[in-house]
Amino acid sequence: MGVYNAVCALWNGSAFVASSLRVLVLKSGVVMAEEMKQCCACRHKETERADDLQHDLTKRLNRAIGQLNGVKDMIADNRYCGDVLVQLAAAESAVHRIAEIVLQDHMETCVVEQVRAGNVEVVDEAMRLIKKFM
C-alpha cells in the first residue's frame, strides 16, 4: 500500500488552479484518489482563526454581500444615483472594517509567528499591507 501526491496546474481563465490528487494504492490493486483544488498563489495560516472571529467575519461578509446585492437591485430598478451612492458607501465601509479586522488578526498571529521563527521579512509584507489602507 502506498500514498502518492500528484499536482498539475490548470488555467481557469483568470488564475492558475492547482489540482492536487492524493492517491492511495491498496495492496489489492484498488486505486483511490481524492482531489483538492486551490489557487497556486494561496497560502494558509499556520494557526487557525478563532471560531468567534471566523463567525464574526462570515457574518460581516454576508452583510456586505447583502448590501451589494441591494445596490445591484437598486441599479436594475433605476433608483436615484444619490441613494445608490449612499448604499455603496455603506458597503465600502463594511468591507473596509472587515479588512481592518483581518489585518489585526494577521499582525497578532501570522506576523508574530513568523518573527518568532526568525523571518523578519514578514514585517516588510505587513508594511505593504498597511500602506494599502492609507
N, C-alpha and C. Protein backbone atom coordinates (compact mmCIF):
# COMPACT_ATOMS: atom_id res chain seq x y z
N MET A 1 0.86 -1.17 0.00
CA MET A 1 0.00 0.00 0.00
C MET A 1 0.90 1.23 0.00
N GLY A 2 0.56 2.23 -0.80
CA GLY A 2 1.33 3.46 -0.84
C GLY A 2 0.44 4.67 -1.04
N VAL A 3 0.91 5.80 -0.56
CA VAL A 3 0.19 7.06 -0.75
C VAL A 3 1.08 7.97 -1.57
N TYR A 4 0.53 8.54 -2.62
CA TYR A 4 1.29 9.39 -3.52
C TYR A 4 0.52 10.70 -3.71
N ASN A 5 1.25 11.77 -3.85
CA ASN A 5 0.64 13.06 -4.14
C ASN A 5 1.02 13.47 -5.55
N ALA A 6 0.05 13.97 -6.29
CA ALA A 6 0.31 14.45 -7.65
C ALA A 6 -0.31 15.84 -7.78
N VAL A 7 0.38 16.71 -8.48
CA VAL A 7 -0.12 18.07 -8.67
C VAL A 7 -0.01 18.43 -10.14
N CYS A 8 -1.06 19.05 -10.68
CA CYS A 8 -0.98 19.58 -12.03
C CYS A 8 -1.62 20.97 -12.01
N ALA A 9 -1.13 21.87 -12.82
CA ALA A 9 -1.65 23.23 -12.87
C ALA A 9 -2.56 23.39 -14.08
N LEU A 10 -3.69 24.01 -13.86
CA LEU A 10 -4.66 24.25 -14.91
C LEU A 10 -4.97 25.74 -14.97
N TRP A 11 -5.24 26.25 -16.15
CA TRP A 11 -5.61 27.65 -16.31
C TRP A 11 -7.12 27.70 -16.39
N ASN A 12 -7.75 28.44 -15.45
CA ASN A 12 -9.21 28.50 -15.46
C ASN A 12 -9.72 29.80 -16.07
N GLY A 13 -8.87 30.56 -16.75
CA GLY A 13 -9.28 31.79 -17.40
C GLY A 13 -8.85 33.03 -16.66
N SER A 14 -8.71 32.93 -15.33
CA SER A 14 -8.29 34.10 -14.58
C SER A 14 -7.14 33.81 -13.63
N ALA A 15 -6.91 32.56 -13.32
CA ALA A 15 -5.81 32.22 -12.43
C ALA A 15 -5.44 30.76 -12.65
N PHE A 16 -4.23 30.42 -12.25
CA PHE A 16 -3.84 29.03 -12.31
C PHE A 16 -4.46 28.31 -11.11
N VAL A 17 -4.97 27.14 -11.34
CA VAL A 17 -5.54 26.33 -10.28
C VAL A 17 -4.74 25.05 -10.21
N ALA A 18 -4.27 24.75 -9.01
CA ALA A 18 -3.53 23.50 -8.83
C ALA A 18 -4.54 22.41 -8.50
N SER A 19 -4.46 21.36 -9.23
CA SER A 19 -5.32 20.23 -8.95
C SER A 19 -4.45 19.20 -8.24
N SER A 20 -4.68 19.04 -6.97
CA SER A 20 -3.89 18.13 -6.15
C SER A 20 -4.62 16.81 -6.01
N LEU A 21 -3.93 15.77 -6.23
CA LEU A 21 -4.52 14.45 -6.06
C LEU A 21 -3.75 13.70 -4.99
N ARG A 22 -4.47 13.17 -4.05
CA ARG A 22 -3.86 12.26 -3.09
C ARG A 22 -4.30 10.88 -3.54
N VAL A 23 -3.34 10.08 -3.92
CA VAL A 23 -3.63 8.77 -4.50
C VAL A 23 -3.23 7.69 -3.49
N LEU A 24 -4.15 6.81 -3.21
CA LEU A 24 -3.89 5.71 -2.29
C LEU A 24 -4.02 4.41 -3.09
N VAL A 25 -2.93 3.65 -3.15
CA VAL A 25 -2.93 2.37 -3.86
C VAL A 25 -2.95 1.27 -2.81
N LEU A 26 -4.03 0.50 -2.81
CA LEU A 26 -4.17 -0.58 -1.84
C LEU A 26 -3.45 -1.83 -2.32
N LYS A 27 -3.14 -2.75 -1.40
CA LYS A 27 -2.47 -4.00 -1.76
C LYS A 27 -3.26 -4.78 -2.78
N SER A 28 -4.59 -4.62 -2.73
CA SER A 28 -5.44 -5.34 -3.67
C SER A 28 -5.36 -4.76 -5.07
N GLY A 29 -4.65 -3.65 -5.23
CA GLY A 29 -4.53 -3.02 -6.53
C GLY A 29 -5.57 -1.94 -6.77
N VAL A 30 -6.49 -1.77 -5.82
CA VAL A 30 -7.52 -0.74 -5.95
C VAL A 30 -6.88 0.63 -5.74
N VAL A 31 -7.21 1.54 -6.64
CA VAL A 31 -6.66 2.89 -6.55
C VAL A 31 -7.77 3.82 -6.10
N MET A 32 -7.49 4.58 -5.07
CA MET A 32 -8.44 5.57 -4.58
C MET A 32 -7.78 6.94 -4.71
N ALA A 33 -8.52 7.91 -5.17
CA ALA A 33 -7.95 9.24 -5.34
C ALA A 33 -8.88 10.28 -4.74
N GLU A 34 -8.29 11.29 -4.13
CA GLU A 34 -9.04 12.40 -3.57
C GLU A 34 -8.51 13.66 -4.22
N GLU A 35 -9.40 14.47 -4.78
CA GLU A 35 -8.97 15.68 -5.47
C GLU A 35 -9.27 16.89 -4.63
N MET A 36 -8.30 17.81 -4.55
CA MET A 36 -8.48 19.08 -3.88
C MET A 36 -7.99 20.16 -4.82
N LYS A 37 -8.77 21.22 -4.99
CA LYS A 37 -8.36 22.31 -5.86
C LYS A 37 -8.12 23.56 -5.03
N GLN A 38 -7.06 24.27 -5.37
CA GLN A 38 -6.79 25.54 -4.72
C GLN A 38 -5.96 26.40 -5.65
N CYS A 39 -6.00 27.68 -5.42
CA CYS A 39 -5.23 28.64 -6.21
C CYS A 39 -3.75 28.47 -5.88
N CYS A 40 -2.91 28.46 -6.89
CA CYS A 40 -1.47 28.27 -6.67
C CYS A 40 -0.88 29.38 -5.80
N ALA A 41 -1.45 30.57 -5.84
CA ALA A 41 -0.92 31.69 -5.08
C ALA A 41 -1.44 31.70 -3.65
N CYS A 42 -2.39 30.84 -3.32
CA CYS A 42 -3.00 30.85 -1.99
C CYS A 42 -2.07 30.22 -0.97
N ARG A 43 -2.05 30.84 0.19
CA ARG A 43 -1.32 30.27 1.32
C ARG A 43 -2.31 30.11 2.46
N HIS A 44 -2.00 29.27 3.40
CA HIS A 44 -2.89 29.05 4.54
C HIS A 44 -2.21 29.49 5.81
N LYS A 45 -3.01 29.99 6.76
CA LYS A 45 -2.49 30.36 8.07
C LYS A 45 -1.98 29.12 8.78
N GLU A 46 -0.91 29.28 9.54
CA GLU A 46 -0.42 28.16 10.32
C GLU A 46 -1.33 27.92 11.52
N THR A 47 -1.83 29.01 12.11
CA THR A 47 -2.75 28.92 13.23
C THR A 47 -4.14 29.27 12.74
N GLU A 48 -5.11 28.42 13.00
CA GLU A 48 -6.47 28.69 12.53
C GLU A 48 -7.05 29.88 13.27
N ARG A 49 -7.93 30.59 12.58
CA ARG A 49 -8.64 31.70 13.22
C ARG A 49 -9.54 31.15 14.31
N ALA A 50 -9.70 31.94 15.36
CA ALA A 50 -10.60 31.56 16.44
C ALA A 50 -12.02 31.43 15.89
N ASP A 51 -12.80 30.53 16.46
CA ASP A 51 -14.16 30.31 15.98
C ASP A 51 -15.01 31.57 16.03
N ASP A 52 -14.87 32.36 17.12
CA ASP A 52 -15.67 33.57 17.22
C ASP A 52 -15.26 34.60 16.18
N LEU A 53 -13.98 34.68 15.86
CA LEU A 53 -13.51 35.60 14.82
C LEU A 53 -14.02 35.12 13.45
N GLN A 54 -13.92 33.84 13.19
CA GLN A 54 -14.40 33.27 11.94
C GLN A 54 -15.89 33.56 11.76
N HIS A 55 -16.66 33.38 12.82
CA HIS A 55 -18.10 33.64 12.78
C HIS A 55 -18.38 35.12 12.53
N ASP A 56 -17.65 35.99 13.23
CA ASP A 56 -17.84 37.43 13.06
C ASP A 56 -17.51 37.87 11.64
N LEU A 57 -16.40 37.38 11.10
CA LEU A 57 -16.02 37.74 9.73
C LEU A 57 -17.05 37.25 8.72
N THR A 58 -17.52 36.03 8.90
CA THR A 58 -18.52 35.47 7.99
C THR A 58 -19.81 36.30 8.05
N LYS A 59 -20.22 36.67 9.25
CA LYS A 59 -21.44 37.47 9.43
C LYS A 59 -21.28 38.83 8.74
N ARG A 60 -20.13 39.46 8.94
CA ARG A 60 -19.87 40.77 8.33
C ARG A 60 -19.81 40.67 6.80
N LEU A 61 -19.16 39.61 6.29
CA LEU A 61 -19.09 39.42 4.85
C LEU A 61 -20.47 39.19 4.25
N ASN A 62 -21.28 38.40 4.91
CA ASN A 62 -22.64 38.16 4.41
C ASN A 62 -23.45 39.45 4.40
N ARG A 63 -23.27 40.29 5.41
CA ARG A 63 -23.97 41.56 5.46
C ARG A 63 -23.52 42.46 4.30
N ALA A 64 -22.21 42.53 4.06
CA ALA A 64 -21.68 43.35 2.96
C ALA A 64 -22.17 42.82 1.61
N ILE A 65 -22.20 41.51 1.46
CA ILE A 65 -22.71 40.91 0.22
C ILE A 65 -24.18 41.29 0.03
N GLY A 66 -24.93 41.25 1.11
CA GLY A 66 -26.33 41.65 1.05
C GLY A 66 -26.49 43.10 0.64
N GLN A 67 -25.62 43.97 1.19
CA GLN A 67 -25.65 45.38 0.80
C GLN A 67 -25.36 45.54 -0.68
N LEU A 68 -24.35 44.83 -1.18
CA LEU A 68 -24.01 44.94 -2.60
C LEU A 68 -25.10 44.38 -3.49
N ASN A 69 -25.74 43.31 -3.05
CA ASN A 69 -26.88 42.78 -3.82
C ASN A 69 -28.02 43.80 -3.85
N GLY A 70 -28.21 44.53 -2.74
CA GLY A 70 -29.21 45.58 -2.69
C GLY A 70 -28.88 46.70 -3.68
N VAL A 71 -27.60 47.06 -3.75
CA VAL A 71 -27.16 48.09 -4.70
C VAL A 71 -27.41 47.62 -6.13
N LYS A 72 -27.11 46.37 -6.38
CA LYS A 72 -27.34 45.79 -7.72
C LYS A 72 -28.82 45.91 -8.09
N ASP A 73 -29.68 45.59 -7.13
CA ASP A 73 -31.12 45.70 -7.37
C ASP A 73 -31.54 47.15 -7.59
N MET A 74 -30.94 48.06 -6.82
CA MET A 74 -31.26 49.48 -6.98
C MET A 74 -30.91 49.96 -8.39
N ILE A 75 -29.77 49.52 -8.89
CA ILE A 75 -29.35 49.93 -10.24
C ILE A 75 -30.29 49.33 -11.27
N ALA A 76 -30.65 48.07 -11.09
CA ALA A 76 -31.58 47.43 -12.02
C ALA A 76 -32.95 48.11 -12.00
N ASP A 77 -33.31 48.67 -10.84
CA ASP A 77 -34.59 49.36 -10.67
C ASP A 77 -34.50 50.84 -11.05
N ASN A 78 -33.33 51.26 -11.54
CA ASN A 78 -33.10 52.64 -11.96
C ASN A 78 -33.35 53.64 -10.84
N ARG A 79 -32.87 53.30 -9.63
CA ARG A 79 -33.06 54.17 -8.46
C ARG A 79 -32.17 55.40 -8.55
N TYR A 80 -32.49 56.39 -7.78
CA TYR A 80 -31.79 57.68 -7.76
C TYR A 80 -30.30 57.48 -7.41
N CYS A 81 -29.43 58.13 -8.17
CA CYS A 81 -27.97 57.96 -8.04
C CYS A 81 -27.48 58.25 -6.62
N GLY A 82 -28.01 59.29 -6.00
CA GLY A 82 -27.60 59.64 -4.65
C GLY A 82 -27.86 58.51 -3.67
N ASP A 83 -29.03 57.87 -3.80
CA ASP A 83 -29.36 56.75 -2.91
C ASP A 83 -28.43 55.56 -3.16
N VAL A 84 -28.12 55.32 -4.42
CA VAL A 84 -27.20 54.23 -4.77
C VAL A 84 -25.82 54.51 -4.17
N LEU A 85 -25.36 55.75 -4.28
CA LEU A 85 -24.03 56.10 -3.75
C LEU A 85 -23.98 55.97 -2.24
N VAL A 86 -25.05 56.32 -1.55
CA VAL A 86 -25.09 56.16 -0.09
C VAL A 86 -24.94 54.68 0.28
N GLN A 87 -25.65 53.81 -0.44
CA GLN A 87 -25.56 52.38 -0.16
C GLN A 87 -24.18 51.81 -0.52
N LEU A 88 -23.59 52.32 -1.61
CA LEU A 88 -22.23 51.90 -1.96
C LEU A 88 -21.23 52.32 -0.89
N ALA A 89 -21.40 53.51 -0.35
CA ALA A 89 -20.50 53.97 0.72
C ALA A 89 -20.63 53.08 1.95
N ALA A 90 -21.85 52.67 2.27
CA ALA A 90 -22.06 51.78 3.41
C ALA A 90 -21.40 50.43 3.18
N ALA A 91 -21.54 49.89 1.98
CA ALA A 91 -20.92 48.60 1.66
C ALA A 91 -19.39 48.72 1.70
N GLU A 92 -18.87 49.81 1.16
CA GLU A 92 -17.43 50.03 1.17
C GLU A 92 -16.91 50.12 2.60
N SER A 93 -17.63 50.82 3.45
CA SER A 93 -17.23 50.94 4.85
C SER A 93 -17.24 49.58 5.54
N ALA A 94 -18.24 48.77 5.24
CA ALA A 94 -18.32 47.44 5.84
C ALA A 94 -17.14 46.57 5.41
N VAL A 95 -16.80 46.61 4.14
CA VAL A 95 -15.68 45.82 3.62
C VAL A 95 -14.37 46.32 4.23
N HIS A 96 -14.24 47.64 4.37
CA HIS A 96 -13.02 48.21 4.96
C HIS A 96 -12.87 47.74 6.41
N ARG A 97 -13.96 47.69 7.15
CA ARG A 97 -13.90 47.24 8.54
C ARG A 97 -13.50 45.76 8.61
N ILE A 98 -14.00 44.95 7.69
CA ILE A 98 -13.62 43.54 7.64
C ILE A 98 -12.11 43.43 7.40
N ALA A 99 -11.61 44.24 6.48
CA ALA A 99 -10.18 44.23 6.17
C ALA A 99 -9.36 44.63 7.40
N GLU A 100 -9.83 45.61 8.16
CA GLU A 100 -9.13 46.02 9.38
C GLU A 100 -9.04 44.87 10.38
N ILE A 101 -10.14 44.15 10.52
CA ILE A 101 -10.17 43.02 11.46
C ILE A 101 -9.21 41.93 11.00
N VAL A 102 -9.21 41.62 9.71
CA VAL A 102 -8.31 40.59 9.18
C VAL A 102 -6.85 41.04 9.33
N LEU A 103 -6.59 42.32 9.07
CA LEU A 103 -5.22 42.84 9.22
C LEU A 103 -4.76 42.74 10.67
N GLN A 104 -5.63 43.08 11.61
CA GLN A 104 -5.26 42.97 13.02
C GLN A 104 -4.95 41.51 13.38
N ASP A 105 -5.79 40.59 12.93
CA ASP A 105 -5.55 39.17 13.18
C ASP A 105 -4.23 38.74 12.54
N HIS A 106 -3.96 39.23 11.34
CA HIS A 106 -2.71 38.90 10.65
C HIS A 106 -1.51 39.36 11.48
N MET A 107 -1.59 40.58 11.99
CA MET A 107 -0.47 41.12 12.78
C MET A 107 -0.28 40.32 14.08
N GLU A 108 -1.40 39.97 14.71
CA GLU A 108 -1.34 39.29 16.01
C GLU A 108 -0.97 37.81 15.90
N THR A 109 -1.19 37.21 14.74
CA THR A 109 -0.91 35.78 14.62
C THR A 109 0.21 35.52 13.61
N CYS A 110 -0.08 35.71 12.34
CA CYS A 110 0.87 35.35 11.28
C CYS A 110 2.21 36.07 11.42
N VAL A 111 2.15 37.39 11.61
CA VAL A 111 3.38 38.17 11.68
C VAL A 111 4.17 37.80 12.92
N VAL A 112 3.49 37.71 14.06
CA VAL A 112 4.17 37.35 15.30
C VAL A 112 4.83 35.97 15.18
N GLU A 113 4.10 35.01 14.62
CA GLU A 113 4.64 33.66 14.46
C GLU A 113 5.88 33.66 13.57
N GLN A 114 5.81 34.40 12.46
CA GLN A 114 6.94 34.43 11.53
C GLN A 114 8.16 35.14 12.14
N VAL A 115 7.94 36.21 12.88
CA VAL A 115 9.06 36.90 13.52
C VAL A 115 9.70 35.99 14.56
N ARG A 116 8.88 35.32 15.35
CA ARG A 116 9.42 34.38 16.36
C ARG A 116 10.21 33.26 15.70
N ALA A 117 9.82 32.88 14.48
CA ALA A 117 10.53 31.82 13.75
C ALA A 117 11.78 32.35 13.06
N GLY A 118 12.03 33.67 13.16
CA GLY A 118 13.23 34.25 12.58
C GLY A 118 13.03 34.89 11.21
N ASN A 119 11.82 34.90 10.70
CA ASN A 119 11.54 35.50 9.40
C ASN A 119 11.12 36.95 9.60
N VAL A 120 12.10 37.86 9.57
CA VAL A 120 11.78 39.28 9.76
C VAL A 120 11.32 39.94 8.46
N GLU A 121 11.43 39.23 7.33
CA GLU A 121 10.95 39.77 6.06
C GLU A 121 9.43 39.94 6.07
N VAL A 122 8.76 39.23 6.95
CA VAL A 122 7.30 39.34 7.05
C VAL A 122 6.90 40.75 7.48
N VAL A 123 7.79 41.47 8.14
CA VAL A 123 7.49 42.85 8.54
C VAL A 123 7.33 43.72 7.30
N ASP A 124 8.16 43.51 6.28
CA ASP A 124 8.02 44.26 5.03
C ASP A 124 6.67 43.98 4.38
N GLU A 125 6.27 42.72 4.38
CA GLU A 125 4.95 42.36 3.83
C GLU A 125 3.85 43.06 4.62
N ALA A 126 3.96 43.05 5.94
CA ALA A 126 2.95 43.70 6.78
C ALA A 126 2.89 45.19 6.49
N MET A 127 4.03 45.83 6.30
CA MET A 127 4.05 47.26 5.99
C MET A 127 3.36 47.53 4.65
N ARG A 128 3.60 46.68 3.65
CA ARG A 128 2.93 46.85 2.35
C ARG A 128 1.41 46.72 2.51
N LEU A 129 0.98 45.78 3.33
CA LEU A 129 -0.46 45.61 3.56
C LEU A 129 -1.06 46.82 4.27
N ILE A 130 -0.35 47.33 5.25
CA ILE A 130 -0.85 48.51 5.97
C ILE A 130 -0.95 49.70 5.04
N LYS A 131 0.03 49.88 4.16
CA LYS A 131 0.03 51.00 3.23
C LYS A 131 -1.17 50.94 2.28
N LYS A 132 -1.68 49.77 2.01
CA LYS A 132 -2.86 49.65 1.13
C LYS A 132 -4.07 50.32 1.74
N PHE A 133 -4.07 50.49 3.06
CA PHE A 133 -5.22 51.08 3.75
C PHE A 133 -5.04 52.55 4.06
N MET A 134 -3.92 53.11 3.70
CA MET A 134 -3.67 54.54 3.97
C MET A 134 -4.11 55.39 2.80
